[in-house]
N, C-alpha and C. Protein backbone atom coordinates (compact mmCIF):
# COMPACT_ATOMS: atom_id res chain seq x y z
N MET A 1 -26.38 0.77 -44.18
CA MET A 1 -25.57 2.01 -43.33
C MET A 1 -25.79 2.14 -42.07
N VAL A 2 -27.10 2.14 -41.79
CA VAL A 2 -27.68 2.38 -40.51
C VAL A 2 -27.24 1.23 -39.57
N ARG A 3 -27.44 0.11 -40.17
CA ARG A 3 -27.15 -1.23 -39.32
C ARG A 3 -25.63 -1.22 -38.99
N THR A 4 -24.87 -0.80 -40.08
CA THR A 4 -23.46 -0.77 -39.81
C THR A 4 -23.00 0.19 -38.55
N LEU A 5 -23.77 1.51 -38.61
CA LEU A 5 -23.44 2.40 -37.56
C LEU A 5 -23.95 1.88 -36.40
N SER A 6 -25.06 1.11 -36.34
CA SER A 6 -25.62 0.55 -34.96
C SER A 6 -24.50 -0.30 -34.42
N LEU A 7 -24.11 -1.15 -35.25
CA LEU A 7 -23.10 -2.13 -34.88
C LEU A 7 -21.77 -1.60 -34.27
N LEU A 8 -21.36 -0.39 -34.89
CA LEU A 8 -20.22 0.41 -34.51
C LEU A 8 -20.38 0.88 -33.10
N VAL A 9 -21.72 1.47 -32.85
CA VAL A 9 -21.91 2.11 -31.41
C VAL A 9 -22.06 1.10 -30.63
N ALA A 10 -22.69 -0.07 -30.96
CA ALA A 10 -22.68 -1.09 -29.92
C ALA A 10 -21.44 -1.62 -29.54
N LEU A 11 -20.61 -1.89 -30.51
CA LEU A 11 -19.13 -2.23 -30.36
C LEU A 11 -18.37 -1.30 -29.45
N ALA A 12 -18.52 0.01 -29.61
CA ALA A 12 -17.90 1.05 -28.87
C ALA A 12 -18.37 0.97 -27.35
N ALA A 13 -19.67 0.84 -27.17
CA ALA A 13 -20.32 0.78 -25.92
C ALA A 13 -19.80 -0.39 -25.12
N ALA A 14 -19.68 -1.55 -25.84
CA ALA A 14 -19.00 -2.74 -25.05
C ALA A 14 -17.74 -2.47 -24.76
N LEU A 15 -16.96 -1.78 -25.59
CA LEU A 15 -15.53 -1.67 -25.18
C LEU A 15 -15.42 -0.81 -23.95
N VAL A 16 -16.41 0.40 -23.88
CA VAL A 16 -16.24 1.11 -22.70
C VAL A 16 -16.66 0.34 -21.56
N ALA A 17 -17.64 -0.39 -21.64
CA ALA A 17 -18.14 -1.20 -20.43
C ALA A 17 -16.99 -2.17 -20.04
N GLY A 18 -16.38 -2.65 -21.06
CA GLY A 18 -15.21 -3.63 -20.52
C GLY A 18 -14.25 -2.90 -19.79
N ARG A 19 -14.00 -1.60 -20.24
CA ARG A 19 -12.76 -0.86 -19.45
C ARG A 19 -13.43 -0.51 -18.11
N ALA A 20 -14.54 -0.27 -17.98
CA ALA A 20 -15.22 0.17 -16.71
C ALA A 20 -15.01 -1.16 -15.80
N GLN A 21 -15.31 -2.32 -16.24
CA GLN A 21 -15.41 -3.41 -15.33
C GLN A 21 -13.88 -3.92 -15.11
N ALA A 22 -13.03 -3.52 -16.04
CA ALA A 22 -11.71 -3.92 -15.71
C ALA A 22 -11.07 -2.96 -14.53
N ALA A 23 -11.54 -1.69 -14.27
CA ALA A 23 -11.12 -0.83 -13.39
C ALA A 23 -11.12 -1.51 -11.99
N ILE A 24 -10.08 -1.15 -11.17
CA ILE A 24 -9.97 -1.63 -9.80
C ILE A 24 -9.63 -0.59 -8.76
N SER A 25 -10.57 -0.53 -7.72
CA SER A 25 -10.38 0.72 -6.88
C SER A 25 -10.50 0.31 -5.42
N GLY A 26 -9.96 1.17 -4.44
CA GLY A 26 -10.17 0.81 -3.12
C GLY A 26 -9.40 1.72 -2.14
N ASP A 27 -9.12 1.16 -1.03
CA ASP A 27 -8.43 1.98 0.02
C ASP A 27 -6.82 1.36 0.18
N TYR A 28 -6.05 2.05 0.72
CA TYR A 28 -4.50 1.80 0.72
C TYR A 28 -4.00 2.27 2.13
N VAL A 29 -3.27 1.49 2.75
CA VAL A 29 -2.65 2.11 3.91
C VAL A 29 -1.23 1.59 3.73
N GLU A 30 -0.34 2.46 4.35
CA GLU A 30 1.15 2.34 4.48
C GLU A 30 1.77 2.74 5.61
N SER A 31 2.75 1.86 6.31
CA SER A 31 3.31 2.19 7.57
C SER A 31 4.83 1.94 7.40
N ARG A 32 5.67 2.92 7.53
CA ARG A 32 7.11 2.74 7.54
C ARG A 32 7.86 2.81 8.88
N THR A 33 8.95 2.57 8.92
CA THR A 33 9.71 2.58 10.20
C THR A 33 10.54 3.79 10.24
N CYS A 34 10.14 4.99 9.76
CA CYS A 34 10.54 6.31 9.78
C CYS A 34 9.41 7.28 9.68
N ASP A 35 9.76 8.42 10.22
CA ASP A 35 8.51 9.45 9.83
C ASP A 35 8.55 9.74 8.43
N VAL A 36 7.38 9.70 7.89
CA VAL A 36 7.13 10.32 6.59
C VAL A 36 6.69 11.70 6.50
N TYR A 37 5.94 12.23 7.78
CA TYR A 37 5.58 13.61 8.06
C TYR A 37 6.70 14.03 8.91
N THR A 38 7.48 14.91 8.42
CA THR A 38 8.72 15.23 9.30
C THR A 38 9.33 16.48 8.65
N GLY A 39 10.34 17.08 9.53
CA GLY A 39 11.17 18.19 8.86
C GLY A 39 12.46 17.63 8.43
N PRO A 40 13.05 18.34 7.62
CA PRO A 40 14.29 18.00 6.90
C PRO A 40 15.31 17.66 7.91
N CYS A 41 15.48 18.33 9.02
CA CYS A 41 16.39 18.00 10.03
C CYS A 41 16.32 16.67 10.69
N PHE A 42 14.97 16.52 10.89
CA PHE A 42 14.72 15.06 11.70
C PHE A 42 15.13 13.97 10.54
N ALA A 43 14.49 14.20 9.16
CA ALA A 43 14.75 13.26 8.34
C ALA A 43 16.17 12.84 7.89
N ASN A 44 17.04 14.13 8.08
CA ASN A 44 18.50 13.75 7.86
C ASN A 44 19.06 12.92 9.12
N ALA A 45 18.44 12.92 10.20
CA ALA A 45 19.10 12.29 11.27
C ALA A 45 18.50 10.74 11.32
N GLN A 46 17.53 10.50 10.69
CA GLN A 46 16.97 8.82 10.43
C GLN A 46 17.52 8.47 9.10
N MET A 47 17.85 9.08 8.13
CA MET A 47 18.18 8.59 6.83
C MET A 47 19.34 7.63 6.80
N GLY A 48 19.09 6.56 6.37
CA GLY A 48 20.16 5.50 6.41
C GLY A 48 20.26 4.66 7.60
N LEU A 49 19.69 5.23 8.53
CA LEU A 49 19.60 4.43 9.88
C LEU A 49 18.08 3.85 10.20
N ALA A 50 16.97 4.44 9.65
CA ALA A 50 15.76 4.00 9.74
C ALA A 50 14.94 3.99 8.58
N GLY A 51 13.64 3.50 8.56
CA GLY A 51 12.88 3.60 7.28
C GLY A 51 13.28 2.44 6.38
N HIS A 52 13.95 1.22 6.95
CA HIS A 52 14.25 0.32 6.16
C HIS A 52 13.11 -0.78 5.76
N GLN A 53 12.09 -0.83 6.82
CA GLN A 53 11.07 -1.62 6.76
C GLN A 53 9.60 -0.86 6.37
N ALA A 54 8.70 -1.49 5.64
CA ALA A 54 7.34 -1.01 5.64
C ALA A 54 6.44 -2.21 5.55
N VAL A 55 5.20 -1.65 5.67
CA VAL A 55 3.88 -2.61 5.48
C VAL A 55 3.04 -1.77 4.55
N LEU A 56 2.58 -2.48 3.36
CA LEU A 56 1.75 -1.98 2.26
C LEU A 56 0.31 -2.87 2.41
N ALA A 57 -0.68 -2.18 2.27
CA ALA A 57 -1.91 -2.82 2.32
C ALA A 57 -2.85 -2.34 1.31
N TRP A 58 -3.72 -3.26 0.68
CA TRP A 58 -4.62 -2.71 -0.24
C TRP A 58 -6.02 -3.55 0.18
N SER A 59 -7.05 -2.62 0.24
CA SER A 59 -8.46 -3.38 0.44
C SER A 59 -9.34 -2.82 -0.83
N ILE A 60 -9.64 -3.80 -1.70
CA ILE A 60 -10.15 -3.74 -2.86
C ILE A 60 -11.79 -3.68 -2.57
N ASP A 61 -12.33 -2.36 -3.06
CA ASP A 61 -13.62 -2.11 -3.00
C ASP A 61 -14.48 -2.92 -4.07
N GLU A 62 -13.90 -2.74 -5.28
CA GLU A 62 -14.45 -3.26 -6.47
C GLU A 62 -13.67 -3.42 -7.59
N GLY A 63 -13.88 -4.24 -8.61
CA GLY A 63 -13.13 -4.48 -9.83
C GLY A 63 -12.28 -5.59 -10.01
N SER A 64 -11.79 -5.84 -11.11
CA SER A 64 -11.24 -7.10 -11.65
C SER A 64 -9.61 -6.65 -11.90
N TYR A 65 -8.98 -7.78 -11.83
CA TYR A 65 -7.55 -7.67 -12.27
C TYR A 65 -7.12 -9.08 -12.89
N ALA A 66 -6.45 -8.90 -14.05
CA ALA A 66 -5.94 -10.12 -14.80
C ALA A 66 -7.36 -10.84 -15.06
N GLY A 67 -8.64 -10.24 -15.31
CA GLY A 67 -9.75 -10.84 -15.51
C GLY A 67 -10.39 -11.60 -14.64
N VAL A 68 -9.94 -11.22 -13.37
CA VAL A 68 -10.75 -11.90 -12.15
C VAL A 68 -11.27 -10.91 -11.32
N ASP A 69 -12.40 -11.19 -10.82
CA ASP A 69 -13.11 -10.33 -9.83
C ASP A 69 -12.49 -10.35 -8.59
N LEU A 70 -12.04 -9.14 -8.00
CA LEU A 70 -11.40 -9.12 -6.64
C LEU A 70 -12.08 -8.38 -5.65
N SER A 71 -13.40 -8.09 -5.91
CA SER A 71 -14.20 -7.15 -5.29
C SER A 71 -14.26 -7.69 -3.64
N GLY A 72 -13.92 -6.73 -2.71
CA GLY A 72 -13.95 -7.12 -1.30
C GLY A 72 -12.85 -7.87 -0.76
N LEU A 73 -11.78 -8.06 -1.55
CA LEU A 73 -10.68 -8.88 -1.09
C LEU A 73 -9.45 -7.68 -0.64
N LYS A 74 -8.46 -8.47 0.09
CA LYS A 74 -7.47 -7.61 0.65
C LYS A 74 -6.13 -8.41 0.38
N ALA A 75 -4.87 -7.65 0.26
CA ALA A 75 -3.63 -8.01 0.38
C ALA A 75 -2.46 -7.11 0.95
N VAL A 76 -1.77 -7.85 1.69
CA VAL A 76 -0.55 -7.16 2.36
C VAL A 76 0.88 -7.35 1.88
N MET A 77 1.70 -6.40 1.67
CA MET A 77 3.12 -6.78 1.51
C MET A 77 3.76 -6.19 2.57
N ALA A 78 4.87 -6.98 3.17
CA ALA A 78 5.89 -6.41 4.26
C ALA A 78 7.18 -6.47 3.48
N VAL A 79 7.95 -5.45 3.71
CA VAL A 79 9.07 -5.39 2.86
C VAL A 79 10.41 -4.93 3.93
N ARG A 80 11.57 -5.42 3.50
CA ARG A 80 12.72 -5.10 4.27
C ARG A 80 13.92 -4.50 3.21
N ALA A 81 14.17 -3.39 3.34
CA ALA A 81 15.30 -2.92 2.32
C ALA A 81 16.48 -2.77 2.85
N SER A 82 17.64 -2.53 2.07
CA SER A 82 19.00 -2.38 2.56
C SER A 82 19.38 -1.08 3.11
N ASN A 83 18.36 -0.07 2.70
CA ASN A 83 18.50 1.30 3.15
C ASN A 83 17.14 2.00 3.28
N THR A 84 17.19 3.23 3.70
CA THR A 84 15.91 3.98 3.85
C THR A 84 15.07 3.89 2.69
N LEU A 85 13.99 3.30 2.66
CA LEU A 85 13.12 3.33 1.47
C LEU A 85 12.56 4.67 1.04
N SER A 86 12.93 4.87 -0.33
CA SER A 86 12.51 6.05 -0.88
C SER A 86 12.33 6.12 -2.40
N PHE A 87 11.33 6.39 -2.90
CA PHE A 87 10.92 6.41 -4.39
C PHE A 87 10.44 7.71 -4.73
N GLY A 88 11.14 8.55 -5.43
CA GLY A 88 10.43 10.06 -5.65
C GLY A 88 10.92 10.96 -4.80
N GLY A 89 10.53 12.35 -4.88
CA GLY A 89 10.64 13.22 -3.94
C GLY A 89 11.99 13.86 -4.03
N GLY A 90 12.77 13.47 -5.17
CA GLY A 90 14.05 14.14 -5.30
C GLY A 90 15.00 13.58 -4.42
N LEU A 91 14.89 12.42 -3.77
CA LEU A 91 16.01 11.93 -2.73
C LEU A 91 16.80 10.83 -3.50
N ASP A 92 18.07 11.10 -3.30
CA ASP A 92 18.98 10.01 -3.96
C ASP A 92 19.49 8.88 -2.89
N ILE A 93 18.47 7.95 -2.73
CA ILE A 93 18.69 7.01 -1.96
C ILE A 93 18.59 5.56 -2.61
N ASN A 94 19.58 4.74 -2.51
CA ASN A 94 19.47 3.32 -3.01
C ASN A 94 19.11 2.39 -2.06
N PRO A 95 17.99 1.97 -2.05
CA PRO A 95 17.41 1.00 -0.95
C PRO A 95 17.56 -0.55 -1.31
N TYR A 96 18.23 -0.79 -2.56
CA TYR A 96 18.30 -2.27 -2.97
C TYR A 96 19.65 -2.90 -2.23
N PRO A 97 19.34 -4.21 -2.11
CA PRO A 97 18.19 -5.07 -2.53
C PRO A 97 16.99 -5.03 -1.61
N ILE A 98 15.80 -5.29 -1.77
CA ILE A 98 14.64 -5.32 -1.24
C ILE A 98 14.04 -6.60 -1.19
N GLN A 99 13.84 -7.12 0.02
CA GLN A 99 13.04 -8.46 0.18
C GLN A 99 11.53 -8.23 0.55
N ALA A 100 10.79 -9.22 0.18
CA ALA A 100 9.29 -8.91 0.55
C ALA A 100 8.46 -10.38 1.02
N VAL A 101 7.62 -10.15 1.73
CA VAL A 101 6.54 -11.06 2.06
C VAL A 101 5.19 -10.86 1.48
N ILE A 102 4.46 -11.43 0.81
CA ILE A 102 3.13 -11.10 0.45
C ILE A 102 2.11 -12.03 1.20
N LEU A 103 1.04 -11.43 1.64
CA LEU A 103 -0.02 -12.19 2.46
C LEU A 103 -1.41 -11.82 1.64
N LEU A 104 -2.00 -12.86 1.27
CA LEU A 104 -3.19 -12.68 0.50
C LEU A 104 -4.38 -13.23 1.31
N ASP A 105 -5.62 -12.65 1.00
CA ASP A 105 -6.74 -12.86 1.77
C ASP A 105 -7.05 -14.15 1.79
N GLU A 106 -7.43 -14.86 2.64
CA GLU A 106 -7.60 -16.27 2.89
C GLU A 106 -8.89 -16.66 2.31
N ARG A 107 -10.03 -15.79 2.15
CA ARG A 107 -11.24 -15.86 1.56
C ARG A 107 -11.13 -16.05 0.04
N ALA A 108 -10.15 -15.74 -0.57
CA ALA A 108 -9.91 -15.67 -2.02
C ALA A 108 -9.75 -17.23 -2.66
N SER A 109 -10.51 -17.44 -3.73
CA SER A 109 -10.21 -18.57 -4.39
C SER A 109 -8.85 -18.70 -4.96
N THR A 110 -8.73 -19.93 -5.44
CA THR A 110 -7.25 -20.14 -6.12
C THR A 110 -6.97 -19.12 -7.28
N ALA A 111 -8.16 -18.84 -8.15
CA ALA A 111 -7.83 -18.07 -9.18
C ALA A 111 -7.66 -16.59 -8.64
N GLN A 112 -8.56 -16.11 -7.67
CA GLN A 112 -8.35 -14.91 -7.13
C GLN A 112 -6.99 -14.68 -6.37
N ARG A 113 -6.36 -15.66 -5.74
CA ARG A 113 -5.17 -15.51 -5.11
C ARG A 113 -4.05 -15.14 -6.18
N GLU A 114 -4.09 -15.88 -7.09
CA GLU A 114 -3.21 -15.67 -8.43
C GLU A 114 -3.26 -14.25 -8.74
N ALA A 115 -4.71 -13.88 -8.91
CA ALA A 115 -4.69 -12.41 -9.50
C ALA A 115 -4.31 -11.40 -8.52
N LEU A 116 -4.66 -11.56 -7.13
CA LEU A 116 -4.12 -10.83 -6.13
C LEU A 116 -2.68 -10.66 -6.02
N GLU A 117 -1.95 -11.86 -6.11
CA GLU A 117 -0.60 -11.86 -6.13
C GLU A 117 0.05 -10.89 -7.21
N ARG A 118 -0.56 -11.06 -8.45
CA ARG A 118 -0.21 -10.44 -9.67
C ARG A 118 -0.37 -8.99 -9.48
N PHE A 119 -1.49 -8.72 -8.83
CA PHE A 119 -1.73 -7.12 -8.69
C PHE A 119 -0.61 -6.65 -7.65
N VAL A 120 -0.39 -7.26 -6.68
CA VAL A 120 0.53 -6.67 -5.70
C VAL A 120 1.90 -6.63 -6.31
N ARG A 121 2.27 -7.62 -6.99
CA ARG A 121 3.54 -7.55 -7.70
C ARG A 121 3.80 -6.35 -8.88
N ASP A 122 2.50 -6.22 -9.56
CA ASP A 122 2.65 -5.11 -10.58
C ASP A 122 2.72 -3.90 -9.82
N GLN A 123 1.99 -3.46 -8.64
CA GLN A 123 1.91 -2.26 -8.13
C GLN A 123 3.52 -2.02 -7.41
N THR A 124 4.18 -3.07 -7.20
CA THR A 124 5.40 -2.73 -6.44
C THR A 124 6.53 -3.18 -7.41
N SER A 125 6.26 -3.13 -8.80
CA SER A 125 7.28 -3.78 -9.71
C SER A 125 8.62 -2.81 -9.71
N HIS A 126 8.37 -1.42 -9.42
CA HIS A 126 9.43 -0.43 -9.50
C HIS A 126 10.37 -0.81 -8.38
N MET A 127 10.01 -1.31 -7.30
CA MET A 127 10.69 -1.65 -6.01
C MET A 127 11.54 -2.96 -6.28
N ALA A 128 11.39 -3.80 -7.36
CA ALA A 128 11.75 -4.99 -7.65
C ALA A 128 12.21 -5.72 -6.32
N PRO A 129 11.14 -6.11 -5.68
CA PRO A 129 11.24 -6.85 -4.48
C PRO A 129 11.59 -8.31 -4.72
N ASP A 130 12.56 -8.92 -3.98
CA ASP A 130 12.68 -10.39 -4.17
C ASP A 130 11.88 -10.98 -3.04
N VAL A 131 10.65 -11.53 -3.57
CA VAL A 131 9.63 -12.14 -2.56
C VAL A 131 10.10 -13.44 -2.18
N GLN A 132 10.21 -13.46 -0.73
CA GLN A 132 10.57 -14.54 0.06
C GLN A 132 9.53 -15.51 0.33
N ARG A 133 8.27 -15.18 0.42
CA ARG A 133 7.17 -16.11 0.96
C ARG A 133 5.91 -15.33 0.41
N VAL A 134 5.17 -16.12 -0.04
CA VAL A 134 3.57 -15.84 -0.35
C VAL A 134 2.81 -16.72 0.37
N ASP A 135 1.94 -16.04 1.25
CA ASP A 135 1.07 -17.00 2.12
C ASP A 135 -0.49 -16.40 2.13
N VAL A 136 -1.35 -17.17 2.77
CA VAL A 136 -2.59 -16.60 2.87
C VAL A 136 -2.80 -16.15 4.38
N ALA A 137 -3.80 -15.23 4.92
CA ALA A 137 -3.99 -14.97 6.24
C ALA A 137 -5.49 -14.41 6.26
N ALA A 138 -5.92 -14.35 7.22
CA ALA A 138 -7.17 -13.55 7.61
C ALA A 138 -6.75 -12.11 7.72
N ILE A 139 -7.30 -11.36 6.65
CA ILE A 139 -6.91 -9.84 6.72
C ILE A 139 -8.14 -9.08 7.04
N GLU A 140 -7.97 -8.22 8.04
CA GLU A 140 -9.02 -7.28 8.32
C GLU A 140 -8.51 -5.76 8.13
N MET A 141 -9.19 -5.12 7.44
CA MET A 141 -8.64 -3.67 7.16
C MET A 141 -9.78 -2.56 7.10
N ARG A 142 -9.92 -1.53 7.92
CA ARG A 142 -10.80 -0.66 7.91
C ARG A 142 -10.26 0.68 7.95
N VAL A 143 -10.68 1.55 6.80
CA VAL A 143 -10.08 3.09 6.83
C VAL A 143 -11.10 4.07 6.74
N ASP A 144 -11.01 5.03 7.69
CA ASP A 144 -11.71 6.30 7.69
C ASP A 144 -11.01 7.43 7.32
N HIS A 145 -11.00 7.98 6.08
CA HIS A 145 -10.37 9.14 5.49
C HIS A 145 -10.66 10.43 6.16
N ILE A 146 -11.84 10.47 6.99
CA ILE A 146 -12.15 11.76 7.52
C ILE A 146 -11.55 11.98 8.85
N SER A 147 -11.50 10.83 9.64
CA SER A 147 -10.78 10.85 10.88
C SER A 147 -9.36 10.47 10.75
N MET A 148 -9.09 9.75 9.64
CA MET A 148 -7.53 9.35 9.35
C MET A 148 -7.23 8.19 10.29
N SER A 149 -8.27 7.42 10.66
CA SER A 149 -8.15 6.37 11.61
C SER A 149 -8.24 5.16 10.66
N ALA A 150 -7.28 4.20 10.83
CA ALA A 150 -7.14 2.99 10.01
C ALA A 150 -6.76 1.80 11.14
N SER A 151 -7.17 0.58 10.70
CA SER A 151 -6.94 -0.49 11.65
C SER A 151 -6.62 -1.69 10.54
N LEU A 152 -5.55 -2.41 10.79
CA LEU A 152 -5.23 -3.49 9.66
C LEU A 152 -4.69 -4.51 10.64
N ARG A 153 -4.98 -5.78 10.06
CA ARG A 153 -4.58 -7.03 10.93
C ARG A 153 -4.50 -7.96 9.75
N ALA A 154 -3.29 -8.64 9.57
CA ALA A 154 -3.09 -9.86 8.78
C ALA A 154 -2.61 -11.04 9.69
N GLY A 155 -3.53 -11.79 9.93
CA GLY A 155 -3.16 -12.90 10.84
C GLY A 155 -2.51 -12.61 11.99
N ASP A 156 -1.54 -13.20 12.62
CA ASP A 156 -0.60 -12.85 13.74
C ASP A 156 0.65 -12.05 13.22
N GLU A 157 0.74 -11.63 11.89
CA GLU A 157 1.86 -11.28 11.39
C GLU A 157 2.08 -9.71 11.13
N VAL A 158 0.99 -9.18 10.90
CA VAL A 158 0.97 -7.59 10.69
C VAL A 158 -0.17 -6.98 11.38
N HIS A 159 0.06 -5.81 11.99
CA HIS A 159 -0.89 -4.95 12.66
C HIS A 159 -0.62 -3.56 12.53
N LEU A 160 -1.46 -2.71 12.48
CA LEU A 160 -1.39 -1.29 12.31
C LEU A 160 -2.76 -0.67 12.75
N SER A 161 -2.63 0.54 13.58
CA SER A 161 -3.62 1.25 13.89
C SER A 161 -3.21 2.72 13.88
N THR A 162 -4.03 3.61 13.27
CA THR A 162 -3.56 5.14 13.24
C THR A 162 -4.49 6.25 13.64
N ARG A 163 -4.31 7.42 13.71
CA ARG A 163 -5.24 8.42 14.00
C ARG A 163 -4.70 9.65 13.15
N LYS A 164 -5.49 10.65 13.21
CA LYS A 164 -5.08 11.73 12.57
C LYS A 164 -3.97 12.53 13.16
N LEU A 165 -3.09 13.24 12.41
CA LEU A 165 -2.22 14.03 12.95
C LEU A 165 -2.66 15.23 13.82
N LYS A 166 -2.03 15.58 14.99
CA LYS A 166 -2.48 16.71 15.70
C LYS A 166 -1.47 17.79 15.89
N LYS A 167 -1.87 19.03 16.37
CA LYS A 167 -0.90 20.04 16.53
C LYS A 167 0.35 19.75 17.20
N GLY A 168 0.11 18.94 18.40
CA GLY A 168 1.25 18.51 19.03
C GLY A 168 2.30 17.58 18.49
N ASP A 169 1.67 17.07 17.20
CA ASP A 169 2.66 16.04 16.64
C ASP A 169 3.72 16.88 15.79
N CYS A 170 3.54 18.19 15.64
CA CYS A 170 4.45 18.96 14.83
C CYS A 170 5.60 19.44 15.86
N VAL A 171 6.81 19.06 15.59
CA VAL A 171 7.85 19.27 16.55
C VAL A 171 8.69 20.55 16.29
N CYS A 172 8.99 20.52 14.99
CA CYS A 172 9.91 21.75 14.58
C CYS A 172 9.17 22.78 13.67
N SER A 173 7.73 22.57 13.66
CA SER A 173 6.89 23.38 12.77
C SER A 173 7.33 23.54 11.25
N ASN A 174 8.25 22.76 10.81
CA ASN A 174 8.70 22.58 9.47
C ASN A 174 8.51 21.25 8.77
N GLU A 175 7.40 20.75 9.24
CA GLU A 175 7.07 19.50 8.76
C GLU A 175 6.51 19.42 7.44
N GLU A 176 6.80 18.33 6.61
CA GLU A 176 6.01 18.19 5.33
C GLU A 176 6.20 16.52 5.08
N LEU A 177 5.21 16.53 3.83
CA LEU A 177 5.37 14.97 3.57
C LEU A 177 6.79 14.70 2.83
N TYR A 178 7.58 14.16 3.59
CA TYR A 178 9.02 14.03 3.10
C TYR A 178 9.30 12.99 2.19
N TYR A 179 8.77 11.74 2.68
CA TYR A 179 9.00 10.51 1.77
C TYR A 179 7.59 10.35 1.00
N PRO A 180 7.38 10.40 -0.21
CA PRO A 180 6.03 10.03 -0.75
C PRO A 180 5.75 8.57 -0.48
N PRO A 181 4.51 8.14 -0.66
CA PRO A 181 4.00 6.96 -0.52
C PRO A 181 4.83 5.84 -1.66
N LEU A 182 5.05 4.70 -1.18
CA LEU A 182 5.93 3.71 -1.95
C LEU A 182 5.45 3.38 -3.29
N VAL A 183 4.00 3.37 -3.48
CA VAL A 183 3.23 2.95 -4.81
C VAL A 183 2.36 4.32 -5.14
N ALA A 184 1.94 3.90 -6.35
CA ALA A 184 0.99 5.06 -7.00
C ALA A 184 -0.34 4.94 -6.29
N VAL A 185 -0.74 6.06 -5.73
CA VAL A 185 -2.15 6.02 -5.11
C VAL A 185 -2.53 7.58 -5.30
N GLU A 186 -3.83 7.81 -4.97
CA GLU A 186 -4.54 8.96 -4.86
C GLU A 186 -4.86 9.40 -3.65
N ASN A 187 -5.11 10.68 -3.26
CA ASN A 187 -5.52 11.36 -1.91
C ASN A 187 -4.80 10.91 -0.89
N ALA A 188 -3.53 10.79 -0.98
CA ALA A 188 -2.69 10.34 0.19
C ALA A 188 -2.40 11.54 1.14
N ASP A 189 -2.51 11.03 2.41
CA ASP A 189 -2.23 12.06 3.52
C ASP A 189 -1.69 11.17 4.64
N ALA A 190 -0.86 11.88 5.50
CA ALA A 190 -0.13 11.30 6.51
C ALA A 190 -0.85 11.05 7.70
N ALA A 191 -0.64 10.07 8.47
CA ALA A 191 -1.43 9.69 9.66
C ALA A 191 -0.51 9.30 10.85
N TYR A 192 -0.73 9.35 11.98
CA TYR A 192 0.13 8.94 13.15
C TYR A 192 -0.24 7.58 13.47
N THR A 193 1.05 6.74 13.31
CA THR A 193 0.86 5.47 13.91
C THR A 193 0.63 5.11 15.31
N LEU A 194 -0.40 4.74 16.04
CA LEU A 194 -0.62 4.54 17.28
C LEU A 194 0.19 3.15 17.56
N ASP A 195 0.23 2.35 16.83
CA ASP A 195 0.83 1.03 16.87
C ASP A 195 0.83 0.23 15.70
N GLY A 196 1.80 -0.38 15.42
CA GLY A 196 2.00 -1.11 14.15
C GLY A 196 3.48 -2.09 14.08
N GLY A 197 3.50 -2.94 13.23
CA GLY A 197 4.52 -3.73 13.09
C GLY A 197 4.43 -5.03 12.45
N PHE A 198 5.44 -5.73 12.09
CA PHE A 198 5.54 -7.17 11.50
C PHE A 198 6.20 -8.19 12.18
N SER A 199 5.56 -9.15 12.35
CA SER A 199 6.23 -10.32 13.28
C SER A 199 6.21 -11.66 12.61
N GLY A 200 6.29 -11.71 11.15
CA GLY A 200 6.05 -12.95 10.48
C GLY A 200 7.52 -13.51 10.05
N ARG A 201 7.39 -14.42 9.49
CA ARG A 201 8.59 -15.28 8.69
C ARG A 201 9.02 -14.66 7.42
N GLY A 202 10.25 -14.77 7.04
CA GLY A 202 10.71 -14.64 5.77
C GLY A 202 11.58 -13.43 5.48
N LEU A 203 11.86 -12.31 6.44
CA LEU A 203 12.59 -11.34 6.09
C LEU A 203 13.55 -11.22 7.20
N ARG A 204 13.78 -12.16 7.92
CA ARG A 204 14.88 -12.24 8.92
C ARG A 204 14.95 -10.96 9.73
N THR A 205 13.97 -10.46 10.09
CA THR A 205 13.69 -9.43 11.09
C THR A 205 12.26 -9.04 11.32
N THR A 206 11.95 -8.76 12.50
CA THR A 206 10.53 -8.02 12.74
C THR A 206 10.81 -6.74 13.40
N TRP A 207 9.73 -6.03 13.34
CA TRP A 207 9.71 -4.71 13.75
C TRP A 207 8.46 -4.27 14.39
N SER A 208 8.58 -2.90 15.15
CA SER A 208 7.41 -2.47 15.68
C SER A 208 7.64 -1.06 15.52
N ASN A 209 6.72 0.00 15.20
CA ASN A 209 6.85 1.36 15.16
C ASN A 209 5.78 2.09 15.84
N PRO A 210 5.46 1.93 17.09
CA PRO A 210 4.20 2.71 17.62
C PRO A 210 4.76 4.23 17.89
N GLY A 211 3.77 5.11 18.00
CA GLY A 211 4.01 6.41 18.30
C GLY A 211 4.86 7.13 17.40
N SER A 212 4.61 7.19 16.15
CA SER A 212 5.39 7.76 15.03
C SER A 212 4.53 8.41 13.76
N ARG A 213 4.91 9.40 13.17
CA ARG A 213 4.40 9.87 12.19
C ARG A 213 4.69 9.25 10.93
N SER A 214 4.43 8.04 10.82
CA SER A 214 5.01 7.17 9.67
C SER A 214 3.93 6.31 8.88
N ALA A 215 2.74 6.81 8.85
CA ALA A 215 1.73 6.15 8.09
C ALA A 215 1.17 7.04 7.02
N TYR A 216 0.57 6.38 5.90
CA TYR A 216 -0.21 7.23 4.67
C TYR A 216 -1.60 6.10 4.73
N LEU A 217 -2.50 7.09 4.64
CA LEU A 217 -3.97 6.54 4.14
C LEU A 217 -4.19 7.16 2.87
N ALA A 218 -4.58 6.26 1.78
CA ALA A 218 -4.98 6.79 0.40
C ALA A 218 -5.92 5.95 -0.16
N THR A 219 -6.24 6.33 -1.47
CA THR A 219 -7.15 5.45 -2.23
C THR A 219 -6.51 4.99 -3.53
N PHE A 220 -6.75 4.21 -4.32
CA PHE A 220 -6.34 3.79 -5.52
C PHE A 220 -7.50 3.41 -6.37
N ASN A 221 -7.15 3.95 -7.71
CA ASN A 221 -8.18 3.75 -8.70
C ASN A 221 -7.48 3.38 -9.98
N LEU A 222 -7.37 2.18 -10.38
CA LEU A 222 -6.48 1.85 -11.64
C LEU A 222 -7.33 1.41 -12.74
N PRO A 223 -6.99 1.64 -14.06
CA PRO A 223 -7.59 1.16 -14.96
C PRO A 223 -7.51 -0.36 -15.21
């Protein structure tokens, strides 16, 4: 009886440890081609005209996905929608169809690239993006949640730098987080995009969105 209980305890401990090792966490940044921190009057002026494009990026601190260790690796998705991107927040906007390009950390092994791509596709499955290209790039990403400063560069295709929102960034004093982040994240807060954009292939467009209240900095912690 004692031996049986010991085996059950050991099995339970192993299952808990397995779940802990399967968790994946890190930093997330997002940049849109419309203000995400804005007042309804400004949002109404942009809706349907702006916000069709976005860059999403994940920097994995530690953890595994699909049974593969992805600690220290990064991934980026650039998307182009047919309308203003919005999921949640009570806004009735149809952004489909959506096209995407996925850029994976060039330091990843073949198995890690496959797991990274699966991770990105799973996180964005609700967007049902039609992925036009999957490629590798040298990806650099740094995030400081205290100063709300972030820097992102993926080869020559994606760049982004942000700072904390300041008093002067409030135009109508009625600003709010109007468009929620495009994926499930934690601790999300808006930041000011100093410079950002996409200049790669596959989306039949490129964009630049400097000087806008268009970025999110967040964390993710997934089982």
